[in-house]
Protein backbone atom coordinates (compact mmCIF):
# COMPACT_ATOMS: atom_id res chain seq x y z
CA MET A 1 -32.68 48.27 -36.74
CA ASN A 2 -29.21 46.20 -36.57
CA GLN A 3 -30.00 43.45 -33.75
CA ALA A 4 -26.58 41.06 -33.34
CA GLY A 5 -26.82 37.61 -31.31
CA PHE A 6 -27.88 34.56 -31.85
CA THR A 7 -31.75 33.23 -31.83
CA LEU A 8 -32.44 30.41 -29.01
CA ILE A 9 -32.70 27.88 -31.47
CA GLU A 10 -29.39 28.27 -32.51
CA SER A 11 -27.76 28.69 -29.31
CA MET A 12 -29.76 25.29 -28.35
CA ILE A 13 -28.40 23.66 -31.90
CA VAL A 14 -25.06 24.49 -30.93
CA ILE A 15 -25.21 23.14 -27.37
CA GLY A 16 -27.01 19.99 -28.88
CA ILE A 17 -23.70 19.43 -30.55
CA LEU A 18 -21.53 20.27 -28.20
CA SER A 19 -23.12 17.43 -25.98
CA VAL A 20 -22.79 14.71 -28.53
CA MET A 21 -19.06 15.53 -29.24
CA SER A 22 -18.69 15.42 -25.67
CA GLY A 23 -20.33 12.23 -25.31
CA PHE A 24 -17.92 10.57 -27.90
CA LEU A 25 -15.09 11.94 -26.29
CA ILE A 26 -16.38 10.44 -22.67
CA LEU A 27 -17.10 7.37 -24.34
CA TYR A 28 -13.90 7.31 -26.55
CA ASN A 29 -11.58 8.02 -22.96
CA ARG A 30 -13.18 4.89 -21.32
CA THR A 31 -12.19 2.79 -24.28
CA SER A 32 -8.84 4.07 -23.82
CA GLU A 33 -8.38 3.61 -20.14
CA ARG A 34 -9.54 -0.01 -20.57
CA GLN A 35 -6.74 -0.60 -23.20
CA ILE A 36 -4.26 0.84 -20.98
CA ILE A 37 -4.87 -1.57 -18.16
CA LEU A 38 -5.18 -4.45 -20.52
CA LEU A 39 -1.16 -3.27 -21.70
CA GLU A 40 -0.24 -3.01 -18.08
CA GLU A 41 -1.97 -6.64 -17.43
CA LYS A 42 0.08 -8.22 -20.65
CA ALA A 43 2.93 -6.38 -19.59
CA LYS A 44 2.75 -8.18 -15.50
CA ILE A 45 2.33 -11.30 -17.06
CA ILE A 46 4.94 -11.18 -19.38
CA SER A 47 7.35 -9.65 -16.87
CA ALA A 48 6.52 -12.86 -14.42
CA ILE A 49 7.46 -15.55 -17.13
CA ALA A 50 10.59 -13.98 -17.89
CA THR A 51 11.54 -13.62 -14.15
CA ALA A 52 10.62 -17.21 -13.43
CA ARG A 53 12.80 -18.07 -16.51
CA ASN A 54 15.53 -15.69 -15.57
CA LEU A 55 15.95 -17.43 -11.96
CA ALA A 56 15.99 -21.08 -13.40
CA LEU A 57 18.37 -20.14 -15.66
CA GLY A 58 20.34 -18.42 -13.11
CA SER A 59 20.09 -21.10 -10.74
CA LEU A 60 21.24 -24.95 -10.38
CA ILE A 61 19.11 -27.21 -8.79
CA GLU A 62 19.73 -26.38 -4.45
CA GLY A 63 18.00 -26.86 -1.61
CA SER A 64 18.13 -28.12 1.82
CA ASP A 65 18.71 -31.64 3.39
CA THR A 66 14.89 -32.27 3.14
CA GLU A 67 13.55 -30.75 -0.24
CA LEU A 68 15.25 -29.09 -3.33
CA VAL A 69 14.36 -26.42 -5.46
CA CYS A 70 13.35 -28.38 -8.80
CA GLY A 71 13.04 -24.87 -10.82
CA TYR A 72 10.55 -21.76 -10.86
CA GLY A 73 7.29 -21.31 -12.85
CA VAL A 74 4.10 -18.72 -12.84
CA HIS A 75 0.96 -20.03 -11.95
CA PHE A 76 -2.66 -18.68 -13.03
CA ASN A 77 -5.47 -17.98 -11.02
CA GLU A 78 -8.70 -16.23 -12.24
CA LEU A 79 -7.53 -13.04 -10.47
CA ASN A 80 -3.84 -13.38 -9.59
CA PHE A 81 -0.71 -14.54 -10.63
CA PHE A 82 2.62 -15.57 -9.07
CA ILE A 83 6.23 -17.01 -9.11
CA PHE A 84 6.88 -20.16 -7.02
CA ARG A 85 9.64 -22.45 -6.69
CA ASP A 86 9.25 -26.70 -7.25
CA LEU A 87 10.13 -27.98 -3.98
CA ALA A 88 10.35 -31.71 -4.05
CA ILE A 89 12.60 -34.66 -2.35
CA SER A 90 13.77 -35.70 -5.48
CA CYS A 91 13.37 -33.91 -8.65
CA GLU A 92 12.78 -37.05 -10.86
CA THR A 93 9.59 -37.55 -9.42
CA THR A 94 8.31 -33.81 -9.36
CA ASP A 95 4.96 -32.68 -11.05
CA HIS A 96 6.68 -29.55 -12.63
CA SER A 97 3.49 -27.75 -11.10
CA TYR A 98 2.97 -25.44 -8.02
CA SER A 99 0.82 -27.63 -5.95
CA GLY A 100 -0.44 -25.06 -3.38
CA ASP A 101 0.62 -27.70 -0.34
CA SER A 102 3.33 -25.61 0.96
CA SER A 103 3.34 -22.04 1.68
CA GLU A 104 7.40 -22.16 1.36
CA GLU A 105 6.61 -22.69 -2.39
CA LYS A 106 4.75 -19.63 -3.16
CA ILE A 107 7.19 -16.78 -3.67
CA ALA A 108 5.41 -13.45 -1.93
CA SER A 109 7.26 -10.86 -3.50
CA TYR A 110 6.64 -12.08 -7.04
CA SER A 111 2.68 -11.95 -6.45
CA TYR A 112 0.73 -10.25 -8.79
CA THR A 113 -3.64 -8.94 -8.41
CA LEU A 114 -5.48 -8.16 -11.98
CA ARG A 115 -6.58 -5.36 -11.89
CA GLY A 116 -9.73 -3.63 -13.65
CA ARG A 117 -12.41 -5.38 -15.00
CA PHE A 118 -9.93 -8.54 -16.47
CA ARG A 119 -9.59 -11.71 -15.72
CA LEU A 120 -7.91 -14.56 -16.91
CA ALA A 121 -9.79 -17.23 -18.57
CA ALA A 122 -10.79 -21.03 -17.44
CA ASP A 123 -9.36 -22.43 -20.39
CA SER A 124 -5.98 -20.58 -20.15
CA ILE A 125 -2.75 -21.99 -19.14
CA SER A 126 -2.71 -22.49 -15.17
CA ASN A 127 0.90 -23.04 -14.69
CA ILE A 128 4.08 -22.40 -16.56
CA PHE A 129 7.30 -24.42 -15.39
CA PHE A 130 10.94 -24.12 -16.01
CA GLU A 131 13.27 -26.81 -15.04
CA PRO A 132 17.17 -25.72 -14.27
CA PRO A 133 19.61 -25.88 -16.23
CA THR A 134 18.72 -25.74 -19.55
CA PRO A 135 15.67 -24.86 -18.59
CA ASP A 136 13.64 -27.15 -19.67
CA ILE A 137 9.55 -25.92 -20.14
CA TYR A 138 6.29 -28.16 -18.56
CA ILE A 139 3.13 -26.46 -18.99
CA ASP A 140 0.21 -27.51 -16.53
CA GLY A 141 2.54 -29.96 -15.34
CA GLY A 142 3.53 -31.63 -19.09
CA GLU A 143 6.36 -31.16 -21.68
CA ALA A 144 5.57 -27.89 -23.39
CA PRO A 145 3.36 -28.12 -26.95
CA GLU A 146 4.14 -26.63 -29.97
CA SER A 147 2.19 -23.88 -28.64
CA SER A 148 -0.33 -22.52 -25.83
CA SER A 149 -1.89 -19.57 -24.69
CA ILE A 150 -2.78 -17.48 -21.60
CA ILE A 151 -6.11 -15.72 -22.21
CA LEU A 152 -7.23 -12.63 -20.67
CA GLN A 153 -10.76 -11.82 -20.57
CA ASP A 154 -13.44 -8.98 -19.57
CA ALA A 155 -15.72 -10.21 -16.87
CA SER A 156 -18.58 -7.64 -17.66
CA ASP A 157 -18.38 -9.00 -21.18
CA PRO A 158 -16.67 -12.76 -21.72
CA ALA A 159 -16.60 -11.95 -25.31
CA ILE A 160 -13.66 -9.42 -24.98
CA THR A 161 -10.86 -11.68 -24.79
CA PHE A 162 -6.87 -11.34 -25.80
CA THR A 163 -4.33 -14.15 -26.22
CA LEU A 164 -0.87 -14.37 -25.14
CA PRO A 165 0.28 -16.89 -27.46
CA LEU A 166 3.28 -18.83 -26.05
CA ASN A 167 5.60 -21.17 -28.11
CA SER A 168 7.42 -24.32 -26.49
CA ARG A 169 9.97 -22.13 -25.52
CA GLY A 170 8.52 -20.68 -22.61
CA GLU A 171 8.65 -17.09 -25.09
CA LEU A 172 5.34 -14.73 -25.66
CA THR A 173 5.03 -14.28 -29.29
CA LEU A 174 2.97 -10.90 -29.90
């Protein structure tokens, strides 16, 4: 008598192998999703810095009778970042950073929120400023050092970080 088919043990082994392979696929998919979010956040940061630099390059010092626009920059918080214009009575006395005193400094259309599990690390840069017409670069209110960095950190695992190195010309070197 010819019995065709699989035994119960053979079927259980196949189901077990398929379950393990499915588990690896789901784990791999989660890692890929995190990498995609990280790449998107890096692209937003690079775009914001380039936009601030272009605004500074494309403008002369301008303003109203009471305040001048002395340049443009990017201000970073833990969960968001935005482009700002530095307003001052005199550009010689400006602090080259976002003061938070005036809602007129923040440019609302250039505001970004980090999504996913990523945050900006506490020891990361908080201000990058471009002063026209050159533009001269200032980081955290002082002259730009030879190199500095913007650090993205995974909120659920602070050991997972990604560093965006920034040179003294305000360019991200990847």
